[in-house]
Amino acid sequence: MVLTTHYMDEAEALCGQLSIMDRGRVLATGSPQELIRRYLPGAVIELGAEVPLPSDLELPALVRVERSQEGAALISSRLEETLIGLVNWAREHSQPLPGLRTRAATLEDVFLHLTGRSLRD
């Protein structure tokens, strides 16, 4: 069976194997969990747009920072270490961390990582 969808949560729930395509090109193929482990190991720390993160931010176990109009997603290979480093950075810079939340990476995060754009573009 072939299912075509723009809803990554639907694809993650229904598909055993999938391919992520963008502009007619296959970017990645595998099970949802394989793709998440391959491209976004660890967890995501989300922050609101009002947190002015420096472009050279260095935190323990931080893999990368992905910015958007809504804020920033910090991809971490070891959530606790990155979170402690972020809290220490915020304390040193007297910076509140509104909107902070943590979560596991999703297939939508993988799509955004691979394409560099949102599903709404």
Protein backbone atom coordinates (compact mmCIF):
# COMPACT_ATOMS: atom_id res chain seq x y z
CA MET A 1 0.00 0.00 0.00
CA VAL A 2 1.23 3.49 -0.82
CA LEU A 3 0.11 6.43 1.29
CA THR A 4 0.83 10.02 0.32
CA THR A 5 0.46 12.64 3.04
CA HIS A 6 1.74 15.99 4.18
CA TYR A 7 0.90 15.13 7.79
CA MET A 8 4.05 13.83 9.43
CA ASP A 9 2.22 12.67 12.57
CA GLU A 10 -0.06 10.58 10.35
CA ALA A 11 2.91 9.10 8.48
CA GLU A 12 4.70 8.38 11.76
CA ALA A 13 1.65 6.54 13.13
CA LEU A 14 0.65 4.59 10.00
CA CYS A 15 3.80 3.79 8.04
CA GLY A 16 6.26 0.97 8.61
CA GLN A 17 8.58 2.36 5.93
CA LEU A 18 8.47 5.77 4.31
CA SER A 19 10.35 8.14 2.07
CA ILE A 20 10.63 11.84 2.71
CA MET A 21 10.42 13.75 -0.55
CA ASP A 22 10.95 17.39 -1.34
CA ARG A 23 10.45 18.96 -4.76
CA GLY A 24 10.38 15.57 -6.46
CA ARG A 25 13.54 14.20 -4.81
CA VAL A 26 13.71 11.41 -2.24
CA LEU A 27 15.74 12.75 0.68
CA ALA A 28 15.55 9.81 3.07
CA THR A 29 13.96 6.37 3.39
CA GLY A 30 13.40 4.15 6.42
CA SER A 31 11.01 3.48 9.25
CA PRO A 32 9.87 6.55 11.18
CA GLN A 33 11.98 5.57 14.20
CA GLU A 34 15.05 4.85 12.03
CA LEU A 35 14.79 8.28 10.43
CA ILE A 36 14.39 10.00 13.80
CA ARG A 37 17.40 8.13 15.25
CA ARG A 38 19.49 8.81 12.14
CA TYR A 39 18.81 12.52 11.79
CA LEU A 40 17.76 13.70 15.27
CA PRO A 41 19.20 11.49 17.99
CA GLY A 42 18.24 12.64 21.45
CA ALA A 43 15.61 15.20 22.31
CA VAL A 44 14.43 18.71 21.50
CA ILE A 45 14.38 21.75 23.79
CA GLU A 46 12.00 24.41 22.51
CA LEU A 47 12.24 28.10 23.40
CA GLY A 48 10.02 31.06 22.52
CA ALA A 49 11.11 33.66 19.97
CA GLU A 50 11.77 36.23 22.71
CA VAL A 51 14.87 34.35 23.93
CA PRO A 52 17.87 36.00 22.19
CA LEU A 53 20.18 33.03 21.76
CA PRO A 54 23.63 33.94 20.46
CA SER A 55 24.67 32.37 17.17
CA ASP A 56 27.78 30.92 18.83
CA LEU A 57 25.90 29.33 21.74
CA GLU A 58 27.85 26.38 23.14
CA LEU A 59 26.13 23.94 25.49
CA PRO A 60 27.02 20.40 26.54
CA ALA A 61 25.69 17.74 24.13
CA LEU A 62 24.11 20.39 21.87
CA VAL A 63 23.97 18.97 18.34
CA ARG A 64 22.52 22.07 16.65
CA VAL A 65 20.09 24.97 16.97
CA GLU A 66 17.26 25.33 14.47
CA ARG A 67 15.64 28.77 14.44
CA SER A 68 12.22 29.80 13.17
CA GLN A 69 9.82 32.72 13.59
CA GLU A 70 8.22 30.86 16.52
CA GLY A 71 11.51 30.47 18.39
CA ALA A 72 14.34 27.98 18.54
CA ALA A 73 14.67 24.23 18.77
CA LEU A 74 17.84 22.98 20.44
CA ILE A 75 18.63 19.44 19.31
CA SER A 76 20.46 17.58 22.06
CA SER A 77 22.09 14.17 22.18
CA ARG A 78 21.82 14.15 26.01
CA LEU A 79 18.86 16.21 27.16
CA GLU A 80 19.77 16.63 30.82
CA GLU A 81 23.28 17.92 30.11
CA THR A 82 22.07 20.42 27.51
CA LEU A 83 19.21 21.58 29.73
CA ILE A 84 21.52 22.18 32.71
CA GLY A 85 23.91 24.11 30.45
CA LEU A 86 21.03 26.20 29.09
CA VAL A 87 19.76 27.06 32.56
CA ASN A 88 23.28 28.04 33.64
CA TRP A 89 23.66 30.21 30.50
CA ALA A 90 20.31 31.89 31.22
CA ARG A 91 21.29 32.56 34.84
CA GLU A 92 24.66 34.05 33.82
CA HIS A 93 22.95 36.36 31.30
CA SER A 94 19.89 37.18 33.45
CA GLN A 95 17.77 35.77 30.64
CA PRO A 96 14.36 34.25 31.38
CA LEU A 97 13.44 31.18 29.34
CA PRO A 98 9.77 31.68 28.41
CA GLY A 99 8.11 28.90 26.48
CA LEU A 100 10.77 26.35 27.46
CA ARG A 101 9.64 22.78 26.98
CA THR A 102 11.28 19.50 26.14
CA ARG A 103 10.08 16.67 23.96
CA ALA A 104 11.21 13.72 21.91
CA ALA A 105 12.09 14.40 18.29
CA THR A 106 9.36 13.68 15.73
CA LEU A 107 9.16 12.88 12.05
CA GLU A 108 8.14 16.49 11.40
CA ASP A 109 11.42 17.60 13.00
CA VAL A 110 13.23 15.26 10.59
CA PHE A 111 11.34 16.74 7.63
CA LEU A 112 12.22 20.28 8.70
CA HIS A 113 15.84 19.29 9.22
CA LEU A 114 16.14 17.64 5.81
CA THR A 115 14.28 20.28 3.80
CA GLY A 116 15.11 23.39 5.78
CA ARG A 117 11.51 24.58 5.49
CA SER A 118 8.13 24.05 7.07
CA LEU A 119 5.20 22.08 5.73
CA ARG A 120 3.40 25.40 5.14
CA ASP A 121 6.00 26.77 2.67
